[in-house]
Amino acid sequence: ASHEMPVADGVLAPETRRYVDGSVTAGRTYTYVVAAVKQDRSEIRSAPVKVTLNSYSLGLIQNYPNPFNPSTTIEFTLPRSSDVELAVYDPLGKLVATLTRGGQSEGINHVTWDGRDAKGNPVGSGVYFYRLRTEGGVLTKKMVLLR
């Protein structure tokens, strides 16, 4: 698929630009070309650059939506299938709910939290932390529930 991204209009001085392609899949090869469009609308194109994403790394993505009500999605990436624990804690470090525990597959995994504690009771508005524990490490992020 081709994606165009305008980065500047009327820029005369050389600048450094960054592009992050958020739609890549591990194990696939992608070809990128940078094109500069001059004021007369002619183009100058770079040589194609091929990039292969070898595998996923351990990652915990910011939940969405955030702030949320009534539920939110949490995504995490694993470099290989492994046992994980994804849990929610209050600001004092007290366990609120365990969202998943056990084997998860390599790649991107999704979990939804409905804003309820381990007993199924709705929790109050506020800041909560979600923590991913794996054999490869522990990652934590913050989220906000607005009732």
N, C-alpha and C. Protein backbone atom coordinates (compact mmCIF):
# COMPACT_ATOMS: atom_id res chain seq x y z
N ALA A 1 0.84 -1.18 0.00
CA ALA A 1 0.00 0.00 0.00
C ALA A 1 0.88 1.24 0.00
N SER A 2 0.40 2.26 -0.65
CA SER A 2 1.15 3.51 -0.75
C SER A 2 0.55 4.52 0.21
N HIS A 3 1.41 5.17 0.98
CA HIS A 3 0.97 6.21 1.91
C HIS A 3 1.74 7.48 1.59
N GLU A 4 1.01 8.60 1.46
CA GLU A 4 1.67 9.87 1.24
C GLU A 4 1.59 10.69 2.52
N MET A 5 2.68 11.40 2.83
CA MET A 5 2.72 12.21 4.04
C MET A 5 3.39 13.54 3.73
N PRO A 6 2.60 14.61 3.55
CA PRO A 6 3.23 15.91 3.36
C PRO A 6 3.91 16.34 4.65
N VAL A 7 5.14 16.81 4.56
CA VAL A 7 5.87 17.19 5.77
C VAL A 7 6.17 18.68 5.85
N ALA A 8 6.20 19.37 4.73
CA ALA A 8 6.50 20.80 4.79
C ALA A 8 6.03 21.47 3.52
N ASP A 9 5.73 22.75 3.63
CA ASP A 9 5.30 23.52 2.46
C ASP A 9 6.20 24.74 2.36
N GLY A 10 6.90 24.87 1.25
CA GLY A 10 7.74 26.03 1.03
C GLY A 10 9.03 26.04 1.84
N VAL A 11 9.48 24.89 2.28
CA VAL A 11 10.71 24.82 3.07
C VAL A 11 11.90 24.92 2.12
N LEU A 12 12.79 25.87 2.39
CA LEU A 12 13.97 26.03 1.55
C LEU A 12 15.22 25.45 2.21
N ALA A 13 15.26 25.46 3.53
CA ALA A 13 16.44 24.94 4.24
C ALA A 13 16.29 23.43 4.44
N PRO A 14 17.43 22.72 4.42
CA PRO A 14 17.35 21.28 4.67
C PRO A 14 16.84 21.01 6.08
N GLU A 15 15.99 20.02 6.21
CA GLU A 15 15.45 19.65 7.51
C GLU A 15 15.42 18.14 7.64
N THR A 16 15.42 17.69 8.87
CA THR A 16 15.29 16.27 9.14
C THR A 16 13.83 15.98 9.48
N ARG A 17 13.27 14.99 8.86
CA ARG A 17 11.89 14.58 9.13
C ARG A 17 11.88 13.12 9.53
N ARG A 18 10.88 12.75 10.30
CA ARG A 18 10.76 11.37 10.75
C ARG A 18 9.38 10.87 10.39
N TYR A 19 9.30 9.63 9.93
CA TYR A 19 8.03 9.00 9.62
C TYR A 19 7.99 7.65 10.30
N VAL A 20 6.94 7.39 11.06
CA VAL A 20 6.76 6.10 11.72
C VAL A 20 5.58 5.42 11.06
N ASP A 21 5.83 4.28 10.46
CA ASP A 21 4.78 3.50 9.81
C ASP A 21 4.17 2.56 10.84
N GLY A 22 2.99 2.88 11.30
CA GLY A 22 2.34 2.08 12.34
C GLY A 22 1.55 0.91 11.82
N SER A 23 1.63 0.63 10.53
CA SER A 23 0.82 -0.45 9.96
C SER A 23 1.65 -1.63 9.49
N VAL A 24 2.87 -1.77 10.00
CA VAL A 24 3.74 -2.85 9.54
C VAL A 24 3.45 -4.15 10.29
N THR A 25 3.81 -5.26 9.66
CA THR A 25 3.63 -6.59 10.23
C THR A 25 4.99 -7.27 10.30
N ALA A 26 5.25 -7.94 11.40
CA ALA A 26 6.53 -8.64 11.57
C ALA A 26 6.72 -9.67 10.47
N GLY A 27 7.96 -9.79 10.01
CA GLY A 27 8.30 -10.79 9.00
C GLY A 27 8.08 -10.34 7.57
N ARG A 28 7.49 -9.19 7.34
CA ARG A 28 7.25 -8.70 5.99
C ARG A 28 8.30 -7.65 5.63
N THR A 29 8.54 -7.51 4.34
CA THR A 29 9.48 -6.51 3.84
C THR A 29 8.71 -5.35 3.24
N TYR A 30 9.13 -4.14 3.56
CA TYR A 30 8.48 -2.93 3.06
C TYR A 30 9.50 -2.10 2.31
N THR A 31 9.04 -1.43 1.25
CA THR A 31 9.90 -0.56 0.46
C THR A 31 9.42 0.88 0.64
N TYR A 32 10.36 1.76 0.97
CA TYR A 32 10.04 3.17 1.19
C TYR A 32 10.82 4.03 0.20
N VAL A 33 10.15 5.09 -0.29
CA VAL A 33 10.76 6.08 -1.17
C VAL A 33 10.36 7.45 -0.65
N VAL A 34 11.33 8.35 -0.58
CA VAL A 34 11.05 9.73 -0.17
C VAL A 34 11.02 10.59 -1.43
N ALA A 35 9.96 11.39 -1.56
CA ALA A 35 9.84 12.27 -2.72
C ALA A 35 9.76 13.72 -2.25
N ALA A 36 10.54 14.57 -2.89
CA ALA A 36 10.47 16.01 -2.63
C ALA A 36 9.81 16.66 -3.83
N VAL A 37 8.78 17.44 -3.59
CA VAL A 37 8.07 18.13 -4.66
C VAL A 37 8.54 19.58 -4.67
N LYS A 38 9.12 19.97 -5.80
CA LYS A 38 9.63 21.33 -5.92
C LYS A 38 8.49 22.30 -6.24
N GLN A 39 8.78 23.61 -6.16
CA GLN A 39 7.74 24.61 -6.39
C GLN A 39 7.13 24.52 -7.78
N ASP A 40 7.89 24.03 -8.76
CA ASP A 40 7.33 23.88 -10.11
C ASP A 40 6.58 22.55 -10.27
N ARG A 41 6.36 21.86 -9.15
CA ARG A 41 5.63 20.58 -9.06
C ARG A 41 6.40 19.39 -9.61
N SER A 42 7.66 19.57 -9.96
CA SER A 42 8.47 18.42 -10.35
C SER A 42 8.92 17.70 -9.08
N GLU A 43 9.23 16.41 -9.22
CA GLU A 43 9.60 15.60 -8.06
C GLU A 43 11.03 15.13 -8.13
N ILE A 44 11.64 15.03 -6.99
CA ILE A 44 12.94 14.37 -6.84
C ILE A 44 12.68 13.21 -5.89
N ARG A 45 13.04 11.99 -6.33
CA ARG A 45 12.77 10.80 -5.51
C ARG A 45 14.07 10.16 -5.05
N SER A 46 14.05 9.64 -3.84
CA SER A 46 15.20 8.91 -3.31
C SER A 46 15.23 7.51 -3.92
N ALA A 47 16.33 6.86 -3.75
CA ALA A 47 16.40 5.44 -4.12
C ALA A 47 15.52 4.66 -3.15
N PRO A 48 14.87 3.59 -3.61
CA PRO A 48 14.05 2.79 -2.70
C PRO A 48 14.90 2.16 -1.60
N VAL A 49 14.34 2.12 -0.41
CA VAL A 49 14.99 1.49 0.74
C VAL A 49 14.08 0.37 1.22
N LYS A 50 14.63 -0.85 1.32
CA LYS A 50 13.84 -1.98 1.80
C LYS A 50 14.12 -2.21 3.28
N VAL A 51 13.04 -2.41 4.04
CA VAL A 51 13.14 -2.63 5.48
C VAL A 51 12.32 -3.87 5.82
N THR A 52 12.92 -4.78 6.61
CA THR A 52 12.21 -5.96 7.08
C THR A 52 12.13 -5.91 8.60
N LEU A 53 10.92 -6.00 9.11
CA LEU A 53 10.72 -6.06 10.55
C LEU A 53 10.82 -7.52 10.95
N ASN A 54 11.90 -7.86 11.65
CA ASN A 54 12.17 -9.26 11.95
C ASN A 54 11.19 -9.88 12.92
N SER A 55 10.88 -9.19 13.99
CA SER A 55 9.94 -9.75 14.96
C SER A 55 9.44 -8.66 15.87
N TYR A 56 8.46 -9.03 16.68
CA TYR A 56 7.93 -8.10 17.67
C TYR A 56 8.86 -8.05 18.87
N SER A 57 8.85 -6.94 19.57
CA SER A 57 9.56 -6.84 20.84
C SER A 57 8.50 -6.73 21.93
N LEU A 58 8.92 -6.91 23.16
CA LEU A 58 8.00 -6.77 24.28
C LEU A 58 7.57 -5.32 24.37
N GLY A 59 6.27 -5.10 24.40
CA GLY A 59 5.77 -3.73 24.46
C GLY A 59 4.40 -3.65 25.10
N LEU A 60 4.15 -2.54 25.77
CA LEU A 60 2.85 -2.25 26.36
C LEU A 60 2.40 -0.93 25.77
N ILE A 61 1.28 -0.96 25.06
CA ILE A 61 0.79 0.20 24.33
C ILE A 61 -0.18 0.97 25.22
N GLN A 62 -0.24 2.29 25.06
CA GLN A 62 -1.17 3.10 25.85
C GLN A 62 -2.59 2.67 25.56
N ASN A 63 -3.38 2.51 26.62
CA ASN A 63 -4.77 2.09 26.46
C ASN A 63 -5.55 3.13 25.64
N TYR A 64 -6.64 2.67 25.05
CA TYR A 64 -7.50 3.58 24.30
C TYR A 64 -8.95 3.13 24.44
N PRO A 65 -9.89 4.04 24.56
CA PRO A 65 -9.64 5.47 24.76
C PRO A 65 -9.06 5.72 26.15
N ASN A 66 -8.48 6.88 26.32
CA ASN A 66 -7.93 7.29 27.60
C ASN A 66 -7.98 8.80 27.69
N PRO A 67 -8.74 9.37 28.61
CA PRO A 67 -9.58 8.75 29.63
C PRO A 67 -10.71 7.92 29.00
N PHE A 68 -11.31 7.03 29.83
CA PHE A 68 -12.33 6.14 29.30
C PHE A 68 -13.53 6.04 30.23
N ASN A 69 -14.64 5.62 29.66
CA ASN A 69 -15.87 5.27 30.36
C ASN A 69 -16.80 4.67 29.32
N PRO A 70 -17.25 3.47 29.40
CA PRO A 70 -17.13 2.57 30.55
C PRO A 70 -15.99 1.55 30.43
N SER A 71 -15.41 1.42 29.22
CA SER A 71 -14.37 0.39 29.06
C SER A 71 -13.22 0.92 28.22
N THR A 72 -12.10 0.21 28.27
CA THR A 72 -10.91 0.59 27.53
C THR A 72 -10.21 -0.65 27.01
N THR A 73 -9.43 -0.48 25.95
CA THR A 73 -8.67 -1.58 25.37
C THR A 73 -7.19 -1.37 25.67
N ILE A 74 -6.54 -2.46 26.07
CA ILE A 74 -5.11 -2.46 26.34
C ILE A 74 -4.46 -3.43 25.37
N GLU A 75 -3.43 -2.97 24.68
CA GLU A 75 -2.69 -3.82 23.75
C GLU A 75 -1.27 -4.01 24.24
N PHE A 76 -0.74 -5.19 23.97
CA PHE A 76 0.67 -5.46 24.27
C PHE A 76 1.23 -6.36 23.20
N THR A 77 2.53 -6.28 22.99
CA THR A 77 3.19 -7.10 21.98
C THR A 77 4.19 -8.03 22.66
N LEU A 78 4.27 -9.24 22.11
CA LEU A 78 5.19 -10.25 22.63
C LEU A 78 6.10 -10.74 21.52
N PRO A 79 7.40 -10.91 21.79
CA PRO A 79 8.32 -11.40 20.76
C PRO A 79 8.11 -12.88 20.45
N ARG A 80 7.48 -13.61 21.36
CA ARG A 80 7.16 -15.03 21.16
C ARG A 80 6.00 -15.38 22.09
N SER A 81 5.33 -16.47 21.83
CA SER A 81 4.26 -16.92 22.71
C SER A 81 4.83 -17.14 24.10
N SER A 82 4.13 -16.65 25.11
CA SER A 82 4.63 -16.79 26.48
C SER A 82 3.51 -16.55 27.49
N ASP A 83 3.80 -16.94 28.73
CA ASP A 83 2.87 -16.69 29.82
C ASP A 83 2.98 -15.23 30.24
N VAL A 84 1.84 -14.61 30.47
CA VAL A 84 1.81 -13.21 30.88
C VAL A 84 0.78 -13.04 32.00
N GLU A 85 0.91 -11.93 32.68
CA GLU A 85 -0.13 -11.48 33.60
C GLU A 85 -0.32 -10.00 33.36
N LEU A 86 -1.55 -9.61 33.06
CA LEU A 86 -1.90 -8.20 32.89
C LEU A 86 -2.89 -7.85 33.98
N ALA A 87 -2.52 -6.91 34.84
CA ALA A 87 -3.35 -6.58 36.00
C ALA A 87 -3.48 -5.07 36.14
N VAL A 88 -4.55 -4.65 36.83
CA VAL A 88 -4.84 -3.24 37.09
C VAL A 88 -4.65 -2.98 38.58
N TYR A 89 -4.00 -1.85 38.90
CA TYR A 89 -3.73 -1.46 40.28
C TYR A 89 -4.23 -0.05 40.53
N ASP A 90 -4.59 0.23 41.78
CA ASP A 90 -4.95 1.60 42.14
C ASP A 90 -3.68 2.39 42.45
N PRO A 91 -3.78 3.70 42.69
CA PRO A 91 -2.57 4.51 42.93
C PRO A 91 -1.76 4.09 44.17
N LEU A 92 -2.38 3.35 45.09
CA LEU A 92 -1.66 2.89 46.28
C LEU A 92 -0.99 1.54 46.05
N GLY A 93 -1.14 0.98 44.85
CA GLY A 93 -0.51 -0.30 44.53
C GLY A 93 -1.36 -1.51 44.86
N LYS A 94 -2.61 -1.31 45.24
CA LYS A 94 -3.51 -2.42 45.55
C LYS A 94 -4.07 -3.01 44.26
N LEU A 95 -4.04 -4.34 44.17
CA LEU A 95 -4.58 -5.03 42.99
C LEU A 95 -6.08 -4.77 42.88
N VAL A 96 -6.51 -4.30 41.72
CA VAL A 96 -7.92 -4.05 41.45
C VAL A 96 -8.51 -5.23 40.69
N ALA A 97 -7.84 -5.66 39.63
CA ALA A 97 -8.33 -6.77 38.81
C ALA A 97 -7.19 -7.37 38.01
N THR A 98 -7.26 -8.67 37.80
CA THR A 98 -6.34 -9.34 36.89
C THR A 98 -7.09 -9.55 35.59
N LEU A 99 -6.61 -8.96 34.51
CA LEU A 99 -7.32 -9.00 33.24
C LEU A 99 -7.02 -10.26 32.44
N THR A 100 -5.79 -10.73 32.51
CA THR A 100 -5.44 -11.98 31.85
C THR A 100 -4.23 -12.58 32.55
N ARG A 101 -4.22 -13.90 32.60
CA ARG A 101 -3.09 -14.63 33.18
C ARG A 101 -2.98 -15.93 32.40
N GLY A 102 -1.79 -16.19 31.88
CA GLY A 102 -1.59 -17.43 31.13
C GLY A 102 -0.96 -17.16 29.78
N GLY A 103 -1.05 -18.15 28.92
CA GLY A 103 -0.40 -18.09 27.62
C GLY A 103 -1.05 -17.11 26.67
N GLN A 104 -0.20 -16.33 26.01
CA GLN A 104 -0.63 -15.40 24.96
C GLN A 104 0.28 -15.60 23.76
N SER A 105 -0.22 -15.29 22.58
CA SER A 105 0.52 -15.56 21.36
C SER A 105 1.49 -14.44 21.00
N GLU A 106 2.46 -14.79 20.18
CA GLU A 106 3.41 -13.81 19.64
C GLU A 106 2.66 -12.73 18.88
N GLY A 107 3.17 -11.52 18.94
CA GLY A 107 2.57 -10.43 18.18
C GLY A 107 1.72 -9.53 19.06
N ILE A 108 0.68 -8.97 18.45
CA ILE A 108 -0.18 -8.00 19.13
C ILE A 108 -1.33 -8.74 19.82
N ASN A 109 -1.53 -8.45 21.09
CA ASN A 109 -2.61 -9.01 21.89
C ASN A 109 -3.47 -7.87 22.42
N HIS A 110 -4.79 -8.11 22.54
CA HIS A 110 -5.75 -7.10 22.98
C HIS A 110 -6.51 -7.62 24.19
N VAL A 111 -6.70 -6.75 25.18
CA VAL A 111 -7.51 -7.08 26.36
C VAL A 111 -8.38 -5.87 26.65
N THR A 112 -9.64 -6.11 27.03
CA THR A 112 -10.55 -5.02 27.38
C THR A 112 -10.79 -5.03 28.88
N TRP A 113 -10.75 -3.85 29.49
CA TRP A 113 -11.12 -3.71 30.89
C TRP A 113 -12.41 -2.91 30.97
N ASP A 114 -13.39 -3.46 31.70
CA ASP A 114 -14.70 -2.83 31.82
C ASP A 114 -14.85 -1.92 33.03
N GLY A 115 -13.74 -1.58 33.69
CA GLY A 115 -13.80 -0.67 34.83
C GLY A 115 -14.36 -1.32 36.09
N ARG A 116 -14.25 -2.65 36.17
CA ARG A 116 -14.75 -3.37 37.35
C ARG A 116 -13.60 -4.05 38.08
N ASP A 117 -13.79 -4.25 39.38
CA ASP A 117 -12.77 -4.93 40.17
C ASP A 117 -12.90 -6.44 40.03
N ALA A 118 -12.09 -7.18 40.77
CA ALA A 118 -12.07 -8.65 40.67
C ALA A 118 -13.40 -9.28 41.07
N LYS A 119 -14.21 -8.58 41.86
CA LYS A 119 -15.51 -9.10 42.30
C LYS A 119 -16.64 -8.67 41.37
N GLY A 120 -16.32 -7.90 40.33
CA GLY A 120 -17.34 -7.46 39.38
C GLY A 120 -17.99 -6.14 39.74
N ASN A 121 -17.48 -5.47 40.76
CA ASN A 121 -18.05 -4.18 41.17
C ASN A 121 -17.40 -3.04 40.39
N PRO A 122 -18.19 -2.05 39.95
CA PRO A 122 -17.60 -0.90 39.27
C PRO A 122 -16.67 -0.14 40.21
N VAL A 123 -15.52 0.26 39.70
CA VAL A 123 -14.58 1.06 40.50
C VAL A 123 -14.84 2.54 40.24
N GLY A 124 -14.35 3.39 41.13
CA GLY A 124 -14.59 4.82 41.01
C GLY A 124 -13.70 5.49 39.99
N SER A 125 -14.05 6.72 39.68
CA SER A 125 -13.23 7.53 38.79
C SER A 125 -11.85 7.70 39.39
N GLY A 126 -10.85 7.83 38.53
CA GLY A 126 -9.51 8.08 39.02
C GLY A 126 -8.44 7.51 38.14
N VAL A 127 -7.21 7.60 38.64
CA VAL A 127 -6.04 7.09 37.94
C VAL A 127 -5.82 5.64 38.35
N TYR A 128 -5.54 4.80 37.37
CA TYR A 128 -5.22 3.40 37.60
C TYR A 128 -3.97 3.07 36.80
N PHE A 129 -3.27 2.04 37.23
CA PHE A 129 -2.07 1.58 36.54
C PHE A 129 -2.30 0.18 36.04
N TYR A 130 -1.85 -0.11 34.82
CA TYR A 130 -1.91 -1.49 34.33
C TYR A 130 -0.49 -1.98 34.12
N ARG A 131 -0.26 -3.22 34.56
CA ARG A 131 1.09 -3.78 34.56
C ARG A 131 1.10 -5.11 33.83
N LEU A 132 2.04 -5.23 32.91
CA LEU A 132 2.24 -6.46 32.16
C LEU A 132 3.49 -7.15 32.70
N ARG A 133 3.33 -8.38 33.17
CA ARG A 133 4.47 -9.19 33.65
C ARG A 133 4.67 -10.34 32.70
N THR A 134 5.91 -10.49 32.24
CA THR A 134 6.28 -11.62 31.38
C THR A 134 7.64 -12.12 31.83
N GLU A 135 8.07 -13.23 31.24
CA GLU A 135 9.41 -13.71 31.55
C GLU A 135 10.46 -12.74 31.03
N GLY A 136 10.08 -11.89 30.07
CA GLY A 136 11.01 -10.93 29.48
C GLY A 136 11.07 -9.59 30.18
N GLY A 137 10.19 -9.37 31.16
CA GLY A 137 10.22 -8.10 31.86
C GLY A 137 8.86 -7.67 32.37
N VAL A 138 8.83 -6.50 33.00
CA VAL A 138 7.61 -5.92 33.56
C VAL A 138 7.47 -4.51 33.00
N LEU A 139 6.28 -4.20 32.49
CA LEU A 139 6.00 -2.87 31.94
C LEU A 139 4.73 -2.33 32.58
N THR A 140 4.71 -1.03 32.85
CA THR A 140 3.55 -0.41 33.51
C THR A 140 3.18 0.89 32.80
N LYS A 141 1.87 1.15 32.70
CA LYS A 141 1.37 2.41 32.15
C LYS A 141 0.20 2.90 33.00
N LYS A 142 -0.15 4.17 32.80
CA LYS A 142 -1.20 4.82 33.57
C LYS A 142 -2.42 5.05 32.68
N MET A 143 -3.62 4.95 33.29
CA MET A 143 -4.87 5.25 32.58
C MET A 143 -5.82 5.96 33.53
N VAL A 144 -6.83 6.61 32.95
CA VAL A 144 -7.77 7.40 33.74
C VAL A 144 -9.19 6.96 33.42
N LEU A 145 -9.94 6.63 34.48
CA LEU A 145 -11.35 6.27 34.36
C LEU A 145 -12.18 7.47 34.80
N LEU A 146 -13.10 7.92 33.96
CA LEU A 146 -14.01 9.02 34.29
C LEU A 146 -15.44 8.49 34.29
N ARG A 147 -16.06 8.47 35.44
CA ARG A 147 -17.45 7.99 35.54
C ARG A 147 -18.40 9.14 35.35
